[in-house]
């Protein structure tokens, strides 16, 4: 991060972060040591926490507004997958050096855009300076009707497997951003991949539908095959996915036409932040129609079966070999 005007912690909090908390009375203008919450009667509070760090989840020179958006979006994505409406969030910022005014302005603007899009407010947190990369840790809070949280481990044999949106775009966007991109395509397709990497889009329209239809749900952050494997293992079942059913954008399809090995990026690339859900087969069609009415594309990609493990199968039923199943921090 480049050098700029010297700011105190109070300057950062009151000048750039407190305005993001102005609509939540319990945040006390970020002037107190804690916030107060009173969830509506009959609602459960759902909590999730994800951190993003420069050099791992974003590039240090990515636009600050996009970093702010992504930091909040990846957390809201978890709430959505649980059938929870976003409510509020806390944020910890760890700077390796004093941020510039320009960076703070952009970061706060990106957070503000995300707050407006996802309908939640900042209520507190912490700022400090420490060695290491810039890191942003958010704890997001959501609301579900009492007992209504959609679990990760509820998939049952016979359920259909559905995913929202398209897969692989963010991983291809990362390749594009890293200048490790040997495929040719139109400029608008480049822009699509970049946007999918920089600004994930939580599928808020699915929140009530997941509670109504899904037996299990989670978001795809580390790649379809890895996250589906987690869901299947926790549910005590196996899963089979058809490779030709995987939903891809025109940009990803262009890459795939030039290089069939791109299928591995589509099936295992991280940062999709799409919803992965299982639903009883008898309501899968109804779920898809309701989602389309809510402005969200759902694609049926396979089914849950008795057994264990996850298979990505081709049209002939043969397992597709993959170099890895997804992203792993360790």
Protein backbone atom coordinates (compact mmCIF):
# COMPACT_ATOMS: atom_id res chain seq x y z
CA UNK A 1 0.00 0.00 0.00
CA UNK A 2 1.48 3.37 -0.96
CA UNK A 3 2.26 6.03 1.60
CA UNK A 4 -0.07 8.95 2.21
CA UNK A 5 -1.30 11.34 4.86
CA UNK A 6 -0.73 10.13 8.41
CA UNK A 7 -3.98 9.17 10.10
CA UNK A 8 -4.79 8.23 13.66
CA UNK A 9 -6.97 5.22 14.46
CA UNK A 10 -9.74 7.63 15.48
CA UNK A 11 -9.47 9.38 12.10
CA UNK A 12 -9.89 6.07 10.28
CA UNK A 13 -12.85 4.94 12.40
CA UNK A 14 -14.78 8.18 12.63
CA UNK A 15 -13.87 9.56 9.22
CA UNK A 16 -14.41 6.48 7.08
CA UNK A 17 -16.08 3.66 9.01
CA UNK A 18 -18.58 5.33 11.35
CA UNK A 19 -20.70 6.59 8.41
CA UNK A 20 -21.21 2.93 7.45
CA UNK A 21 -22.77 2.33 10.88
CA UNK A 22 -25.04 5.37 10.95
CA UNK A 23 -28.28 3.48 10.24
CA UNK A 24 -27.87 0.93 13.05
CA UNK A 25 -28.70 2.52 16.40
CA UNK A 26 -27.04 -0.26 18.38
CA UNK A 27 -23.69 0.56 16.78
CA UNK A 28 -23.54 3.78 18.84
CA UNK A 29 -21.70 5.55 16.05
CA UNK A 30 -18.71 3.24 16.60
CA UNK A 31 -17.83 5.37 19.65
CA UNK A 32 -18.39 2.67 22.27
CA UNK A 33 -16.59 -0.58 23.07
CA UNK A 34 -19.42 -2.84 21.89
CA UNK A 35 -22.65 -2.84 19.91
CA UNK A 36 -26.07 -3.92 21.14
CA UNK A 37 -28.44 -6.17 19.16
CA UNK A 38 -32.08 -7.03 19.61
CA UNK A 39 -33.02 -9.67 17.02
CA UNK A 40 -36.73 -9.68 16.09
CA UNK A 41 -38.98 -12.05 18.01
CA UNK A 42 -39.08 -15.55 16.59
CA UNK A 43 -35.78 -15.21 14.75
CA UNK A 44 -32.47 -17.00 15.22
CA UNK A 45 -29.20 -15.10 14.85
CA UNK A 46 -26.78 -16.75 12.40
CA UNK A 47 -23.08 -15.86 12.55
CA UNK A 48 -20.28 -16.48 10.08
CA UNK A 49 -16.73 -15.17 9.75
CA UNK A 50 -14.38 -15.04 6.77
CA UNK A 51 -11.12 -13.15 6.34
CA UNK A 52 -9.43 -12.00 3.17
CA UNK A 53 -5.75 -11.09 2.93
CA UNK A 54 -3.61 -9.40 0.31
CA UNK A 55 -1.61 -11.91 -1.68
CA UNK A 56 -4.03 -14.72 -0.88
CA UNK A 57 -7.57 -13.56 -1.68
CA UNK A 58 -6.82 -10.36 -3.58
CA UNK A 59 -3.88 -8.51 -5.10
CA UNK A 60 -2.37 -5.67 -3.11
CA UNK A 61 -3.00 -3.27 -5.97
CA UNK A 62 -6.61 -4.30 -6.63
CA UNK A 63 -8.98 -1.30 -6.52
CA UNK A 64 -9.80 -0.54 -2.88
CA UNK A 65 -13.53 -0.38 -3.65
CA UNK A 66 -13.42 -3.92 -5.02
CA UNK A 67 -11.53 -5.13 -1.94
CA UNK A 68 -14.24 -3.63 0.29
CA UNK A 69 -16.99 -5.22 -1.77
CA UNK A 70 -15.34 -8.64 -1.78
CA UNK A 71 -14.61 -8.63 1.96
CA UNK A 72 -18.31 -8.27 2.71
CA UNK A 73 -19.65 -10.34 -0.19
CA UNK A 74 -17.79 -13.52 0.74
CA UNK A 75 -19.38 -13.39 4.20
CA UNK A 76 -22.87 -12.60 2.95
CA UNK A 77 -22.53 -15.57 0.60
CA UNK A 78 -22.27 -17.85 3.65
CA UNK A 79 -25.39 -16.30 5.19
CA UNK A 80 -27.35 -16.74 1.96
CA UNK A 81 -26.45 -20.43 1.76
CA UNK A 82 -27.85 -20.90 5.28
CA UNK A 83 -31.15 -19.29 4.30
CA UNK A 84 -30.35 -16.23 6.43
CA UNK A 85 -31.14 -12.61 5.63
CA UNK A 86 -28.11 -10.35 6.19
CA UNK A 87 -28.49 -8.20 9.31
CA UNK A 88 -25.23 -6.63 10.52
CA UNK A 89 -21.47 -7.16 10.57
CA UNK A 90 -18.31 -6.48 12.55
CA UNK A 91 -14.97 -5.88 10.87
CA UNK A 92 -11.32 -6.03 11.89
CA UNK A 93 -8.76 -4.23 9.72
CA UNK A 94 -5.05 -5.03 10.07
CA UNK A 95 -2.81 -2.63 8.14
CA UNK A 96 0.90 -3.26 7.47
CA UNK A 97 1.36 0.50 7.17
CA UNK A 98 -0.73 3.63 7.40
CA UNK A 99 -3.25 3.61 4.53
CA UNK A 100 -3.61 6.54 2.18
CA UNK A 101 -6.68 8.74 2.20
CA UNK A 102 -7.43 7.63 -1.36
CA UNK A 103 -7.36 3.95 -0.38
CA UNK A 104 -9.64 4.49 2.62
CA UNK A 105 -12.09 6.50 0.54
CA UNK A 106 -12.27 3.75 -2.07
CA UNK A 107 -12.50 0.96 0.50
CA UNK A 108 -15.31 2.70 2.41
CA UNK A 109 -17.13 3.39 -0.87
CA UNK A 110 -16.93 -0.29 -1.85
CA UNK A 111 -18.20 -1.37 1.55
CA UNK A 112 -21.03 1.14 1.27
CA UNK A 113 -22.03 -0.23 -2.12
CA UNK A 114 -22.00 -3.76 -0.73
CA UNK A 115 -24.03 -2.76 2.33
CA UNK A 116 -26.69 -1.20 0.12
CA UNK A 117 -26.78 -4.21 -2.19
CA UNK A 118 -26.88 -6.79 0.60
CA UNK A 119 -29.03 -4.85 3.12
CA UNK A 120 -26.87 -4.87 6.25
CA UNK A 121 -24.84 -2.42 8.33
CA UNK A 122 -21.49 -2.16 10.07
CA UNK A 123 -21.88 -2.24 13.88
CA UNK A 124 -18.31 -2.40 15.20
CA UNK A 125 -14.88 -3.97 15.01
CA UNK A 126 -11.23 -3.10 15.38
CA UNK A 127 -8.37 -1.46 13.48
CA UNK A 128 -4.67 -1.97 14.08
CA UNK A 129 -1.27 -1.99 12.46
CA UNK A 130 0.81 -5.18 12.43
CA UNK A 131 3.44 -6.95 10.33
CA UNK A 132 2.18 -8.99 7.42
CA UNK A 133 -0.21 -8.36 4.55
CA UNK A 134 -3.29 -6.19 4.72
CA UNK A 135 -6.08 -8.38 6.09
CA UNK A 136 -9.79 -7.79 6.56
CA UNK A 137 -11.77 -10.06 8.86
CA UNK A 138 -15.56 -9.78 8.92
CA UNK A 139 -18.08 -11.45 11.19
CA UNK A 140 -21.45 -11.26 9.47
CA UNK A 141 -24.76 -11.78 11.25
CA UNK A 142 -27.98 -12.92 9.65
CA UNK A 143 -31.52 -13.78 10.64
CA UNK A 144 -33.60 -16.91 10.02
CA UNK A 145 -36.98 -17.90 11.41
CA UNK A 146 -36.41 -19.98 14.53
CA UNK A 147 -35.05 -23.40 13.59
CA UNK A 148 -34.92 -22.46 9.92
CA UNK A 149 -31.18 -22.61 9.22
CA UNK A 150 -30.41 -24.80 6.18
CA UNK A 151 -27.65 -27.27 7.17
CA UNK A 152 -24.65 -28.39 5.16
CA UNK A 153 -25.14 -32.02 6.18
CA UNK A 154 -28.74 -32.73 5.22
CA UNK A 155 -28.33 -34.25 1.74
CA UNK A 156 -30.14 -37.55 1.17
CA UNK A 157 -29.91 -40.28 -1.50
CA UNK A 158 -32.12 -39.37 -4.44
CA UNK A 159 -31.77 -35.61 -3.92
CA UNK A 160 -30.86 -33.55 -6.95
CA UNK A 161 -27.78 -31.32 -6.83
CA UNK A 162 -28.25 -27.74 -8.04
CA UNK A 163 -25.90 -24.77 -8.35
CA UNK A 164 -26.61 -21.10 -8.94
CA UNK A 165 -25.03 -18.97 -11.64
CA UNK A 166 -22.01 -20.21 -13.55
CA UNK A 167 -18.83 -21.94 -12.40
CA UNK A 168 -15.15 -21.25 -13.00
CA UNK A 169 -15.43 -17.58 -13.93
CA UNK A 170 -13.66 -16.26 -10.84
CA UNK A 171 -10.81 -18.78 -11.17
CA UNK A 172 -10.39 -17.79 -14.81
CA UNK A 173 -10.58 -14.14 -13.75
CA UNK A 174 -7.72 -14.79 -11.35
CA UNK A 175 -5.70 -16.35 -14.19
CA UNK A 176 -6.44 -13.27 -16.28
CA UNK A 177 -5.42 -10.96 -13.43
CA UNK A 178 -2.22 -12.98 -12.95
CA UNK A 179 -1.42 -12.71 -16.66
CA UNK A 180 -1.45 -16.49 -16.86
CA UNK A 181 -4.13 -16.57 -19.53
CA UNK A 182 -3.27 -18.26 -22.85
CA UNK A 183 -6.81 -18.17 -24.29
CA UNK A 184 -8.20 -15.54 -26.65
CA UNK A 185 -11.64 -14.01 -26.35
CA UNK A 186 -13.63 -10.82 -26.81
CA UNK A 187 -12.96 -7.83 -24.56
CA UNK A 188 -16.40 -8.04 -22.97
CA UNK A 189 -15.65 -11.62 -21.97
CA UNK A 190 -12.42 -10.46 -20.33
CA UNK A 191 -14.44 -7.86 -18.43
CA UNK A 192 -16.93 -10.50 -17.30
CA UNK A 193 -14.20 -12.75 -15.88
CA UNK A 194 -12.49 -9.85 -14.11
CA UNK A 195 -15.75 -8.72 -12.54
CA UNK A 196 -16.54 -12.23 -11.31
CA UNK A 197 -13.15 -12.40 -9.58
CA UNK A 198 -13.25 -8.91 -8.09
CA UNK A 199 -16.93 -8.67 -7.12
CA UNK A 200 -18.71 -11.89 -6.08
CA UNK A 201 -22.50 -11.68 -6.21
CA UNK A 202 -24.29 -13.40 -3.29
CA UNK A 203 -27.62 -14.83 -4.47
CA UNK A 204 -29.94 -13.04 -2.04
CA UNK A 205 -33.00 -14.04 -4.03
CA UNK A 206 -32.46 -17.65 -2.95
CA UNK A 207 -32.72 -16.99 0.81
CA UNK A 208 -36.41 -17.85 1.35
CA UNK A 209 -36.34 -20.54 -1.35
CA UNK A 210 -33.50 -22.45 0.28
CA UNK A 211 -35.48 -22.58 3.51
CA UNK A 212 -38.52 -23.83 1.60
CA UNK A 213 -36.88 -26.44 -0.64
CA UNK A 214 -33.29 -27.36 0.24
CA UNK A 215 -32.22 -30.37 2.28
CA UNK A 216 -28.63 -29.08 2.38
CA UNK A 217 -26.85 -25.95 1.22
CA UNK A 218 -23.48 -24.21 1.28
CA UNK A 219 -21.63 -21.71 -0.84
CA UNK A 220 -18.86 -22.68 -3.27
CA UNK A 221 -15.67 -20.96 -2.15
CA UNK A 222 -12.97 -23.61 -2.64
CA UNK A 223 -14.26 -25.24 -5.83
CA UNK A 224 -17.35 -27.29 -6.67
CA UNK A 225 -15.78 -30.72 -6.24
CA UNK A 226 -14.13 -29.91 -2.92
CA UNK A 227 -17.19 -28.25 -1.42
CA UNK A 228 -19.57 -30.92 -2.68
CA UNK A 229 -17.22 -33.47 -1.15
CA UNK A 230 -17.52 -31.69 2.19
CA UNK A 231 -21.31 -31.67 1.93
CA UNK A 232 -21.47 -35.34 0.97
CA UNK A 233 -19.10 -36.43 3.74
CA UNK A 234 -21.01 -34.56 6.42
CA UNK A 235 -24.30 -35.97 5.08
CA UNK A 236 -22.94 -39.54 4.96
CA UNK A 237 -23.70 -39.95 1.25
CA UNK A 238 -22.05 -40.04 -2.16
CA UNK A 239 -22.59 -37.64 -5.07
CA UNK A 240 -22.42 -37.89 -8.85
CA UNK A 241 -22.11 -34.87 -11.12
CA UNK A 242 -22.37 -34.79 -14.91
CA UNK A 243 -19.56 -32.78 -16.46
CA UNK A 244 -21.69 -31.70 -19.43
CA UNK A 245 -24.28 -30.25 -17.02
CA UNK A 246 -21.88 -27.80 -15.35
CA UNK A 247 -23.15 -24.26 -16.01
CA UNK A 248 -20.56 -22.07 -17.73
CA UNK A 249 -20.56 -18.53 -19.07
CA UNK A 250 -19.81 -17.69 -22.68
CA UNK A 251 -16.33 -16.60 -21.57
CA UNK A 252 -15.60 -19.92 -19.85
CA UNK A 253 -17.09 -21.80 -22.79
CA UNK A 254 -14.69 -19.96 -25.10
CA UNK A 255 -11.72 -21.07 -22.98
CA UNK A 256 -13.05 -24.63 -22.87
CA UNK A 257 -13.39 -24.75 -26.66
CA UNK A 258 -9.70 -23.83 -26.98
CA UNK A 259 -8.50 -26.14 -24.22
CA UNK A 260 -10.55 -29.12 -22.91
CA UNK A 261 -8.42 -29.16 -19.74
CA UNK A 262 -10.20 -25.96 -18.66
CA UNK A 263 -12.90 -28.29 -17.33
CA UNK A 264 -10.65 -28.78 -14.29
CA UNK A 265 -10.70 -25.04 -13.59
CA UNK A 266 -14.49 -24.99 -13.92
CA UNK A 267 -14.99 -27.97 -11.59
CA UNK A 268 -12.34 -27.14 -8.98
CA UNK A 269 -11.56 -23.42 -9.17
CA UNK A 270 -12.35 -21.41 -6.05
CA UNK A 271 -13.98 -18.02 -5.47
CA UNK A 272 -17.25 -18.83 -7.27
CA UNK A 273 -19.37 -17.92 -4.21
CA UNK A 274 -22.34 -19.56 -5.87
CA UNK A 275 -24.90 -21.60 -3.91
CA UNK A 276 -24.64 -25.38 -3.92
CA UNK A 277 -27.87 -27.03 -2.77
CA UNK A 278 -29.55 -30.41 -2.68
CA UNK A 279 -33.31 -30.75 -2.92
CA UNK A 280 -35.71 -33.70 -3.05
CA UNK A 281 -36.15 -34.74 -6.69
CA UNK A 282 -39.91 -34.19 -6.59
CA UNK A 283 -39.48 -30.42 -5.99
CA UNK A 284 -36.33 -29.73 -8.04
CA UNK A 285 -38.25 -28.33 -10.99
CA UNK A 286 -40.42 -26.15 -8.78
CA UNK A 287 -37.30 -24.85 -7.01
CA UNK A 288 -35.71 -23.89 -10.34
CA UNK A 289 -38.84 -22.04 -11.49
CA UNK A 290 -39.14 -20.15 -8.20
CA UNK A 291 -35.47 -19.20 -8.39
CA UNK A 292 -35.85 -17.95 -11.97
CA UNK A 293 -38.77 -15.81 -10.81
CA UNK A 294 -36.41 -14.38 -8.17
CA UNK A 295 -33.81 -13.60 -10.84
CA UNK A 296 -31.42 -16.46 -10.07
CA UNK A 297 -30.37 -19.16 -12.55
CA UNK A 298 -30.21 -22.67 -11.08
CA UNK A 299 -28.78 -25.68 -12.90
CA UNK A 300 -29.35 -29.33 -12.04
CA UNK A 301 -25.90 -30.96 -12.24
CA UNK A 302 -26.36 -34.40 -10.69
CA UNK A 303 -27.69 -36.40 -7.79
CA UNK A 304 -26.96 -37.71 -4.32
CA UNK A 305 -26.50 -41.47 -3.97
CA UNK A 306 -25.89 -44.12 -1.35
CA UNK A 307 -22.20 -44.53 -0.60
CA UNK A 308 -19.36 -42.05 -0.26
CA UNK A 309 -17.16 -39.83 -2.39
CA UNK A 310 -17.91 -37.53 -5.30
CA UNK A 311 -17.65 -38.52 -8.97
CA UNK A 312 -17.49 -36.14 -11.91
CA UNK A 313 -18.74 -38.28 -14.80
CA UNK A 314 -18.65 -37.79 -18.56
CA UNK A 315 -21.55 -38.57 -20.90
CA UNK A 316 -20.52 -42.23 -20.99
CA UNK A 317 -20.52 -42.52 -17.21
CA UNK A 318 -16.73 -42.60 -16.89
CA UNK A 319 -15.04 -40.64 -14.11
CA UNK A 320 -13.26 -37.49 -15.28
CA UNK A 321 -9.71 -37.31 -13.91
CA UNK A 322 -8.89 -34.06 -12.13
CA UNK A 323 -5.44 -32.88 -10.97
CA UNK A 324 -6.95 -31.72 -7.69
CA UNK A 325 -10.41 -31.33 -6.14
CA UNK A 326 -10.17 -27.68 -5.10
CA UNK A 327 -8.32 -25.02 -3.17
CA UNK A 328 -6.74 -25.78 0.21
CA UNK A 329 -5.02 -23.24 2.49
CA UNK A 330 -2.73 -25.90 3.97
